[in-house]
Amino acid sequence: MLAGLARVELIEVREDERVAQRIPERVHLVLLASDGRQLDSVELSRWLEDRRQEGRDLCFVIGGPRGLDLEQCDTRLSLGRITLPHQLARVVLLEQLYRGHKILAREPYHY
């Protein structure tokens, strides 16, 4: 459903691979981290629009079971204070991106 609103590419990186080498150039790099900024759905939609206005693609990185620290990220976001398995965090992130795009389009998913 999100693919109809935004271009989405999912890339899984094995733990023994270097994540930084798989990040495309010239993207706005977002690390999902427990100490990141927490946004509600409307705030996230505004944040997405601000990033769209910048004209750079977004690249979200979700760490594995041991977490992940990228020093050179542009934004640190949190899905909340609870710990989620990375597979579930991916589903929650995709759902929130879908919701954010529907809010921006003023479509009834959220309202």
N, C-alpha and C. Protein backbone atom coordinates (compact mmCIF):
# COMPACT_ATOMS: atom_id res chain seq x y z
N MET A 1 0.82 -1.20 0.00
CA MET A 1 0.00 0.00 0.00
C MET A 1 0.87 1.27 0.00
N LEU A 2 1.98 1.21 0.69
CA LEU A 2 2.87 2.37 0.73
C LEU A 2 3.49 2.64 -0.63
N ALA A 3 3.73 1.59 -1.39
CA ALA A 3 4.36 1.75 -2.71
C ALA A 3 3.56 2.66 -3.63
N GLY A 4 2.26 2.78 -3.42
CA GLY A 4 1.44 3.68 -4.21
C GLY A 4 1.62 5.14 -3.83
N LEU A 5 2.25 5.39 -2.70
CA LEU A 5 2.44 6.76 -2.21
C LEU A 5 3.90 7.20 -2.23
N ALA A 6 4.81 6.25 -2.17
CA ALA A 6 6.24 6.57 -2.12
C ALA A 6 7.03 5.40 -2.68
N ARG A 7 8.21 5.70 -3.19
CA ARG A 7 9.10 4.64 -3.67
C ARG A 7 9.76 4.02 -2.45
N VAL A 8 9.66 2.71 -2.36
CA VAL A 8 10.18 2.00 -1.20
C VAL A 8 11.09 0.87 -1.67
N GLU A 9 12.24 0.78 -1.05
CA GLU A 9 13.16 -0.32 -1.32
C GLU A 9 13.63 -0.85 0.03
N LEU A 10 13.43 -2.12 0.27
CA LEU A 10 13.87 -2.74 1.51
C LEU A 10 15.15 -3.51 1.25
N ILE A 11 16.15 -3.23 2.06
CA ILE A 11 17.43 -3.93 1.94
C ILE A 11 17.77 -4.49 3.31
N GLU A 12 17.97 -5.79 3.37
CA GLU A 12 18.39 -6.42 4.62
C GLU A 12 19.89 -6.69 4.55
N VAL A 13 20.56 -6.36 5.63
CA VAL A 13 22.00 -6.53 5.70
C VAL A 13 22.30 -7.54 6.80
N ARG A 14 23.05 -8.56 6.46
CA ARG A 14 23.45 -9.54 7.47
C ARG A 14 24.36 -8.87 8.48
N GLU A 15 24.37 -9.43 9.67
CA GLU A 15 25.16 -8.82 10.75
C GLU A 15 26.63 -8.71 10.43
N ASP A 16 27.17 -9.62 9.63
CA ASP A 16 28.59 -9.58 9.36
C ASP A 16 28.95 -8.60 8.24
N GLU A 17 27.93 -8.00 7.62
CA GLU A 17 28.19 -7.00 6.59
C GLU A 17 28.30 -5.62 7.23
N ARG A 18 28.99 -4.74 6.61
CA ARG A 18 29.11 -3.37 7.11
C ARG A 18 27.93 -2.56 6.60
N VAL A 19 27.09 -2.12 7.51
CA VAL A 19 25.88 -1.37 7.17
C VAL A 19 26.23 -0.09 6.42
N ALA A 20 27.22 0.63 6.90
CA ALA A 20 27.58 1.92 6.30
C ALA A 20 27.90 1.79 4.81
N GLN A 21 28.45 0.68 4.39
CA GLN A 21 28.78 0.47 2.98
C GLN A 21 27.55 0.29 2.11
N ARG A 22 26.42 -0.06 2.69
CA ARG A 22 25.19 -0.30 1.94
C ARG A 22 24.29 0.94 1.85
N ILE A 23 24.67 2.02 2.52
CA ILE A 23 23.85 3.23 2.52
C ILE A 23 24.15 4.04 1.27
N PRO A 24 23.11 4.36 0.50
CA PRO A 24 23.34 5.16 -0.72
C PRO A 24 23.88 6.55 -0.40
N GLU A 25 24.53 7.14 -1.37
CA GLU A 25 25.06 8.49 -1.20
C GLU A 25 23.93 9.51 -1.29
N ARG A 26 24.16 10.65 -0.70
CA ARG A 26 23.26 11.82 -0.78
C ARG A 26 21.84 11.54 -0.28
N VAL A 27 21.71 10.71 0.72
CA VAL A 27 20.39 10.47 1.32
C VAL A 27 20.32 11.18 2.67
N HIS A 28 19.13 11.37 3.15
CA HIS A 28 18.92 11.82 4.52
C HIS A 28 18.85 10.55 5.35
N LEU A 29 19.89 10.30 6.12
CA LEU A 29 20.03 9.04 6.86
C LEU A 29 19.34 9.13 8.22
N VAL A 30 18.40 8.21 8.44
CA VAL A 30 17.62 8.19 9.68
C VAL A 30 17.92 6.88 10.41
N LEU A 31 18.43 7.01 11.61
CA LEU A 31 18.68 5.83 12.44
C LEU A 31 17.54 5.71 13.45
N LEU A 32 16.91 4.55 13.47
CA LEU A 32 15.91 4.30 14.51
C LEU A 32 16.66 3.85 15.75
N ALA A 33 16.52 4.62 16.81
CA ALA A 33 17.27 4.36 18.03
C ALA A 33 16.41 4.69 19.24
N SER A 34 16.61 3.97 20.32
CA SER A 34 15.79 4.18 21.51
C SER A 34 15.94 5.59 22.08
N ASP A 35 17.08 6.23 21.84
CA ASP A 35 17.27 7.58 22.35
C ASP A 35 16.94 8.66 21.31
N GLY A 36 16.29 8.25 20.22
CA GLY A 36 15.93 9.21 19.17
C GLY A 36 14.71 10.03 19.53
N ARG A 37 14.42 10.96 18.67
CA ARG A 37 13.26 11.84 18.82
C ARG A 37 11.97 11.06 18.57
N GLN A 38 10.99 11.23 19.46
CA GLN A 38 9.71 10.56 19.30
C GLN A 38 8.71 11.53 18.69
N LEU A 39 8.02 11.09 17.65
CA LEU A 39 7.02 11.91 16.96
C LEU A 39 5.69 11.20 16.96
N ASP A 40 4.59 11.96 17.07
CA ASP A 40 3.30 11.33 16.84
C ASP A 40 3.06 11.29 15.33
N SER A 41 1.94 10.72 14.91
CA SER A 41 1.70 10.51 13.47
C SER A 41 1.63 11.81 12.69
N VAL A 42 1.00 12.84 13.24
CA VAL A 42 0.90 14.12 12.55
C VAL A 42 2.27 14.79 12.47
N GLU A 43 3.02 14.74 13.56
CA GLU A 43 4.38 15.30 13.54
C GLU A 43 5.25 14.57 12.52
N LEU A 44 5.11 13.26 12.45
CA LEU A 44 5.88 12.49 11.47
C LEU A 44 5.50 12.90 10.06
N SER A 45 4.22 13.12 9.79
CA SER A 45 3.81 13.53 8.45
C SER A 45 4.43 14.88 8.09
N ARG A 46 4.46 15.80 9.04
CA ARG A 46 5.10 17.11 8.80
C ARG A 46 6.60 16.94 8.56
N TRP A 47 7.22 16.07 9.34
CA TRP A 47 8.65 15.80 9.19
C TRP A 47 8.93 15.22 7.80
N LEU A 48 8.07 14.29 7.36
CA LEU A 48 8.23 13.71 6.02
C LEU A 48 8.11 14.78 4.95
N GLU A 49 7.16 15.69 5.09
CA GLU A 49 6.99 16.76 4.11
C GLU A 49 8.22 17.68 4.10
N ASP A 50 8.75 18.00 5.26
CA ASP A 50 9.97 18.83 5.31
C ASP A 50 11.12 18.14 4.59
N ARG A 51 11.27 16.85 4.78
CA ARG A 51 12.34 16.10 4.11
C ARG A 51 12.08 16.06 2.60
N ARG A 52 10.82 15.92 2.19
CA ARG A 52 10.49 15.92 0.75
C ARG A 52 10.87 17.25 0.13
N GLN A 53 10.64 18.32 0.85
CA GLN A 53 11.00 19.65 0.35
C GLN A 53 12.51 19.80 0.18
N GLU A 54 13.29 19.08 0.97
CA GLU A 54 14.75 19.11 0.83
C GLU A 54 15.21 18.41 -0.44
N GLY A 55 14.39 17.51 -0.96
CA GLY A 55 14.71 16.85 -2.22
C GLY A 55 15.66 15.68 -2.14
N ARG A 56 15.94 15.19 -0.94
CA ARG A 56 16.81 14.01 -0.81
C ARG A 56 15.97 12.80 -0.44
N ASP A 57 16.40 11.63 -0.90
CA ASP A 57 15.75 10.40 -0.50
C ASP A 57 16.00 10.15 0.98
N LEU A 58 15.08 9.44 1.60
CA LEU A 58 15.25 9.02 2.99
C LEU A 58 15.78 7.61 3.04
N CYS A 59 16.67 7.35 3.96
CA CYS A 59 17.19 6.01 4.19
C CYS A 59 17.05 5.73 5.68
N PHE A 60 16.13 4.81 6.04
CA PHE A 60 15.92 4.42 7.42
C PHE A 60 16.76 3.19 7.73
N VAL A 61 17.43 3.21 8.86
CA VAL A 61 18.25 2.08 9.28
C VAL A 61 17.73 1.58 10.62
N ILE A 62 17.43 0.29 10.65
CA ILE A 62 16.99 -0.37 11.87
C ILE A 62 18.07 -1.36 12.27
N GLY A 63 18.52 -1.27 13.49
CA GLY A 63 19.55 -2.17 13.96
C GLY A 63 19.03 -3.56 14.24
N GLY A 64 19.93 -4.48 14.40
CA GLY A 64 19.59 -5.86 14.71
C GLY A 64 19.42 -6.06 16.21
N PRO A 65 19.51 -7.29 16.66
CA PRO A 65 19.27 -7.61 18.07
C PRO A 65 20.22 -6.91 19.04
N ARG A 66 21.39 -6.57 18.58
CA ARG A 66 22.37 -5.89 19.44
C ARG A 66 22.37 -4.38 19.23
N GLY A 67 21.40 -3.87 18.45
CA GLY A 67 21.36 -2.44 18.18
C GLY A 67 22.36 -2.06 17.11
N LEU A 68 22.49 -0.78 16.89
CA LEU A 68 23.38 -0.27 15.85
C LEU A 68 23.64 1.19 16.15
N ASP A 69 24.86 1.62 15.96
CA ASP A 69 25.18 3.03 16.16
C ASP A 69 25.86 3.55 14.91
N LEU A 70 25.23 4.51 14.28
CA LEU A 70 25.82 5.19 13.12
C LEU A 70 26.09 6.62 13.52
N GLU A 71 27.35 6.98 13.60
CA GLU A 71 27.71 8.32 14.05
C GLU A 71 27.33 9.39 13.04
N GLN A 72 27.27 9.06 11.78
CA GLN A 72 27.06 10.06 10.74
C GLN A 72 25.60 10.15 10.27
N CYS A 73 24.63 9.81 11.11
CA CYS A 73 23.24 9.90 10.68
C CYS A 73 22.76 11.35 10.75
N ASP A 74 21.77 11.68 9.94
CA ASP A 74 21.20 13.03 9.93
C ASP A 74 20.13 13.20 11.01
N THR A 75 19.40 12.13 11.29
CA THR A 75 18.31 12.18 12.25
C THR A 75 18.26 10.87 13.02
N ARG A 76 17.96 10.98 14.30
CA ARG A 76 17.72 9.80 15.14
C ARG A 76 16.26 9.86 15.56
N LEU A 77 15.49 8.85 15.16
CA LEU A 77 14.08 8.76 15.54
C LEU A 77 13.87 7.53 16.40
N SER A 78 12.85 7.59 17.23
CA SER A 78 12.49 6.46 18.07
C SER A 78 11.04 6.08 17.83
N LEU A 79 10.76 4.79 17.83
CA LEU A 79 9.39 4.32 17.74
C LEU A 79 8.77 4.20 19.13
N GLY A 80 9.48 4.62 20.13
CA GLY A 80 9.00 4.57 21.51
C GLY A 80 10.06 4.00 22.42
N ARG A 81 9.76 3.98 23.68
CA ARG A 81 10.74 3.53 24.66
C ARG A 81 10.82 2.02 24.79
N ILE A 82 9.83 1.32 24.24
CA ILE A 82 9.87 -0.14 24.32
C ILE A 82 10.88 -0.70 23.32
N THR A 83 11.35 -1.88 23.58
CA THR A 83 12.27 -2.55 22.66
C THR A 83 11.46 -3.44 21.74
N LEU A 84 11.69 -3.32 20.44
CA LEU A 84 11.01 -4.14 19.45
C LEU A 84 12.04 -4.98 18.70
N PRO A 85 11.71 -6.22 18.35
CA PRO A 85 12.59 -6.97 17.45
C PRO A 85 12.67 -6.20 16.13
N HIS A 86 13.81 -6.27 15.47
CA HIS A 86 13.98 -5.45 14.27
C HIS A 86 12.96 -5.75 13.19
N GLN A 87 12.49 -7.00 13.10
CA GLN A 87 11.47 -7.33 12.10
C GLN A 87 10.15 -6.61 12.40
N LEU A 88 9.78 -6.54 13.67
CA LEU A 88 8.57 -5.83 14.05
C LEU A 88 8.74 -4.33 13.91
N ALA A 89 9.92 -3.82 14.23
CA ALA A 89 10.20 -2.39 14.06
C ALA A 89 10.02 -1.99 12.60
N ARG A 90 10.42 -2.86 11.68
CA ARG A 90 10.27 -2.58 10.26
C ARG A 90 8.79 -2.45 9.89
N VAL A 91 7.96 -3.34 10.40
CA VAL A 91 6.52 -3.29 10.13
C VAL A 91 5.92 -2.00 10.70
N VAL A 92 6.29 -1.66 11.93
CA VAL A 92 5.77 -0.44 12.56
C VAL A 92 6.23 0.79 11.77
N LEU A 93 7.49 0.83 11.36
CA LEU A 93 7.98 1.95 10.58
C LEU A 93 7.22 2.08 9.26
N LEU A 94 7.04 0.99 8.55
CA LEU A 94 6.32 1.04 7.26
C LEU A 94 4.89 1.51 7.46
N GLU A 95 4.24 1.05 8.53
CA GLU A 95 2.87 1.48 8.79
C GLU A 95 2.82 2.98 9.10
N GLN A 96 3.77 3.46 9.86
CA GLN A 96 3.80 4.89 10.20
C GLN A 96 4.11 5.75 8.98
N LEU A 97 4.97 5.26 8.10
CA LEU A 97 5.24 5.99 6.85
C LEU A 97 3.98 6.05 5.99
N TYR A 98 3.27 4.94 5.91
CA TYR A 98 2.00 4.91 5.17
C TYR A 98 1.01 5.89 5.78
N ARG A 99 0.86 5.85 7.08
CA ARG A 99 -0.06 6.76 7.77
C ARG A 99 0.35 8.21 7.52
N GLY A 100 1.63 8.50 7.62
CA GLY A 100 2.12 9.87 7.39
C GLY A 100 1.80 10.37 5.99
N HIS A 101 1.98 9.52 4.99
CA HIS A 101 1.68 9.91 3.61
C HIS A 101 0.18 10.10 3.41
N LYS A 102 -0.64 9.29 4.07
CA LYS A 102 -2.09 9.46 3.97
C LYS A 102 -2.53 10.77 4.64
N ILE A 103 -1.90 11.12 5.75
CA ILE A 103 -2.20 12.40 6.41
C ILE A 103 -1.86 13.55 5.47
N LEU A 104 -0.69 13.49 4.85
CA LEU A 104 -0.27 14.56 3.92
C LEU A 104 -1.24 14.67 2.73
N ALA A 105 -1.75 13.54 2.28
CA ALA A 105 -2.68 13.53 1.16
C ALA A 105 -4.12 13.88 1.59
N ARG A 106 -4.30 14.10 2.89
CA ARG A 106 -5.62 14.39 3.47
C ARG A 106 -6.63 13.30 3.12
N GLU A 107 -6.16 12.08 3.14
CA GLU A 107 -7.01 10.93 2.88
C GLU A 107 -7.46 10.33 4.21
N PRO A 108 -8.55 9.60 4.23
CA PRO A 108 -9.21 9.24 5.48
C PRO A 108 -8.56 8.17 6.35
N TYR A 109 -7.39 7.70 6.04
CA TYR A 109 -6.78 6.65 6.86
C TYR A 109 -6.64 7.09 8.31
N HIS A 110 -6.24 8.33 8.50
CA HIS A 110 -5.94 8.81 9.86
C HIS A 110 -7.11 9.55 10.49
N TYR A 111 -7.81 10.32 9.72
CA TYR A 111 -8.84 11.21 10.29
C TYR A 111 -10.14 10.52 10.47
